[in-house]
Amino acid sequence: MADIHVAEGLWATGMLPEGVLERWLVPDGASVRAGEAVAAVRIGEALHDIASPTEGRLTILAPVNEVVDPGCIIAEVHA
């Protein structure tokens, strides 16, 4: 199993604007490939794609519109 998290590096400033999980690009239970974009997160005015770190079946842990913090886990990928 591998965690999908919101990378801390997406917050470019020390002010840490609020991050929001805008949408899932694949459904819960879908098979995903390593590097495939699975979610979109809005941080300030920027929209960022979040990619799967590995291949497997996606298990969504965070709902759409949830506030996200740097490093938080939003899903898991099971081999």
C-alpha atoms as a PDB file:
ATOM      1  CA  MET A   1       0.000   0.000   0.000  1.00  0.00           C
ATOM      2  CA  ALA A   2       1.143   3.538  -0.767  1.00  0.00           C
ATOM      3  CA  ASP A   3      -0.268   6.809   0.527  1.00  0.00           C
ATOM      4  CA  ILE A   4      -1.255   9.660  -1.767  1.00  0.00           C
ATOM      5  CA  HIS A   5      -0.546  12.914  -0.004  1.00  0.00           C
ATOM      6  CA  VAL A   6      -0.618  16.604  -0.811  1.00  0.00           C
ATOM      7  CA  ALA A   7       3.045  17.560  -1.188  1.00  0.00           C
ATOM      8  CA  GLU A   8       4.315  20.197   1.202  1.00  0.00           C
ATOM      9  CA  GLY A   9       6.186  21.857  -1.668  1.00  0.00           C
ATOM     10  CA  LEU A  10       2.902  23.015  -3.231  1.00  0.00           C
ATOM     11  CA  TRP A  11       2.699  25.732  -0.587  1.00  0.00           C
ATOM     12  CA  ALA A  12       5.219  28.175  -2.022  1.00  0.00           C
ATOM     13  CA  THR A  13       4.969  30.783   0.720  1.00  0.00           C
ATOM     14  CA  GLY A  14       5.273  30.702   4.482  1.00  0.00           C
ATOM     15  CA  MET A  15       1.751  32.101   4.794  1.00  0.00           C
ATOM     16  CA  LEU A  16       0.129  28.736   3.952  1.00  0.00           C
ATOM     17  CA  PRO A  17      -3.068  29.699   2.136  1.00  0.00           C
ATOM     18  CA  GLU A  18      -5.924  27.250   2.561  1.00  0.00           C
ATOM     19  CA  GLY A  19      -5.847  24.163   0.357  1.00  0.00           C
ATOM     20  CA  VAL A  20      -9.071  22.513  -0.842  1.00  0.00           C
ATOM     21  CA  LEU A  21      -9.580  19.158  -2.560  1.00  0.00           C
ATOM     22  CA  GLU A  22     -11.462  20.389  -5.656  1.00  0.00           C
ATOM     23  CA  ARG A  23     -12.231  17.084  -7.391  1.00  0.00           C
ATOM     24  CA  TRP A  24     -11.260  13.487  -7.907  1.00  0.00           C
ATOM     25  CA  LEU A  25     -10.134  12.716 -11.453  1.00  0.00           C
ATOM     26  CA  VAL A  26     -10.730   8.959 -11.051  1.00  0.00           C
ATOM     27  CA  PRO A  27     -13.424   7.151  -9.026  1.00  0.00           C
ATOM     28  CA  ASP A  28     -12.919   5.250  -5.775  1.00  0.00           C
ATOM     29  CA  GLY A  29     -11.820   1.685  -6.524  1.00  0.00           C
ATOM     30  CA  ALA A  30     -10.368   2.513  -9.946  1.00  0.00           C
ATOM     31  CA  SER A  31      -7.093   1.036 -11.138  1.00  0.00           C
ATOM     32  CA  VAL A  32      -4.416   3.733 -11.436  1.00  0.00           C
ATOM     33  CA  ARG A  33      -0.901   3.871 -12.878  1.00  0.00           C
ATOM     34  CA  ALA A  34       2.186   5.362 -11.258  1.00  0.00           C
ATOM     35  CA  GLY A  35       2.330   9.069 -12.105  1.00  0.00           C
ATOM     36  CA  GLU A  36      -1.344   9.262 -13.121  1.00  0.00           C
ATOM     37  CA  ALA A  37      -3.175  12.376 -11.909  1.00  0.00           C
ATOM     38  CA  VAL A  38      -5.921  11.258  -9.515  1.00  0.00           C
ATOM     39  CA  ALA A  39      -7.052  14.486  -7.807  1.00  0.00           C
ATOM     40  CA  ALA A  40      -6.997  18.267  -8.175  1.00  0.00           C
ATOM     41  CA  VAL A  41      -6.206  20.488  -5.182  1.00  0.00           C
ATOM     42  CA  ARG A  42      -6.615  24.271  -5.106  1.00  0.00           C
ATOM     43  CA  ILE A  43      -4.060  26.151  -3.014  1.00  0.00           C
ATOM     44  CA  GLY A  44      -4.663  29.876  -3.067  1.00  0.00           C
ATOM     45  CA  GLU A  45      -5.355  30.696  -6.722  1.00  0.00           C
ATOM     46  CA  ALA A  46      -3.441  27.726  -8.177  1.00  0.00           C
ATOM     47  CA  LEU A  47      -4.915  24.331  -9.107  1.00  0.00           C
ATOM     48  CA  HIS A  48      -2.515  21.380  -8.727  1.00  0.00           C
ATOM     49  CA  ASP A  49      -2.855  17.793  -9.936  1.00  0.00           C
ATOM     50  CA  ILE A  50      -1.974  15.131  -7.377  1.00  0.00           C
ATOM     51  CA  ALA A  51      -0.441  11.976  -8.881  1.00  0.00           C
ATOM     52  CA  SER A  52      -0.435   8.379  -7.727  1.00  0.00           C
ATOM     53  CA  PRO A  53       3.012   7.270  -6.529  1.00  0.00           C
ATOM     54  CA  THR A  54       2.463   3.684  -7.678  1.00  0.00           C
ATOM     55  CA  GLU A  55       0.212   1.331  -9.627  1.00  0.00           C
ATOM     56  CA  GLY A  56      -2.811  -0.289  -7.971  1.00  0.00           C
ATOM     57  CA  ARG A  57      -6.397   0.218  -6.836  1.00  0.00           C
ATOM     58  CA  LEU A  58      -7.351   3.662  -5.468  1.00  0.00           C
ATOM     59  CA  THR A  59      -9.070   4.028  -2.097  1.00  0.00           C
ATOM     60  CA  ILE A  60     -10.287   7.594  -1.523  1.00  0.00           C
ATOM     61  CA  LEU A  61      -9.980   8.848   2.063  1.00  0.00           C
ATOM     62  CA  ALA A  62     -10.848  12.557   1.700  1.00  0.00           C
ATOM     63  CA  PRO A  63     -14.080  13.924   0.232  1.00  0.00           C
ATOM     64  CA  VAL A  64     -14.346  16.692  -2.354  1.00  0.00           C
ATOM     65  CA  ASN A  65     -14.250  20.199  -0.795  1.00  0.00           C
ATOM     66  CA  GLU A  66     -12.244  19.010   2.213  1.00  0.00           C
ATOM     67  CA  VAL A  67      -9.639  21.457   3.504  1.00  0.00           C
ATOM     68  CA  VAL A  68      -6.157  19.959   3.090  1.00  0.00           C
ATOM     69  CA  ASP A  69      -2.908  20.752   4.882  1.00  0.00           C
ATOM     70  CA  PRO A  70       0.672  20.271   3.683  1.00  0.00           C
ATOM     71  CA  GLY A  71       1.520  16.578   3.713  1.00  0.00           C
ATOM     72  CA  CYS A  72      -1.995  15.312   4.487  1.00  0.00           C
ATOM     73  CA  ILE A  73      -3.023  11.901   3.117  1.00  0.00           C
ATOM     74  CA  ILE A  74      -6.020  12.002   0.782  1.00  0.00           C
ATOM     75  CA  ALA A  75      -6.014   8.422  -0.596  1.00  0.00           C
ATOM     76  CA  GLU A  76      -4.258   5.074  -0.650  1.00  0.00           C
ATOM     77  CA  VAL A  77      -3.181   2.829  -3.515  1.00  0.00           C
ATOM     78  CA  HIS A  78      -3.340  -0.934  -2.892  1.00  0.00           C
ATOM     79  CA  ALA A  79      -1.384  -3.348  -5.063  1.00  0.00           C
END
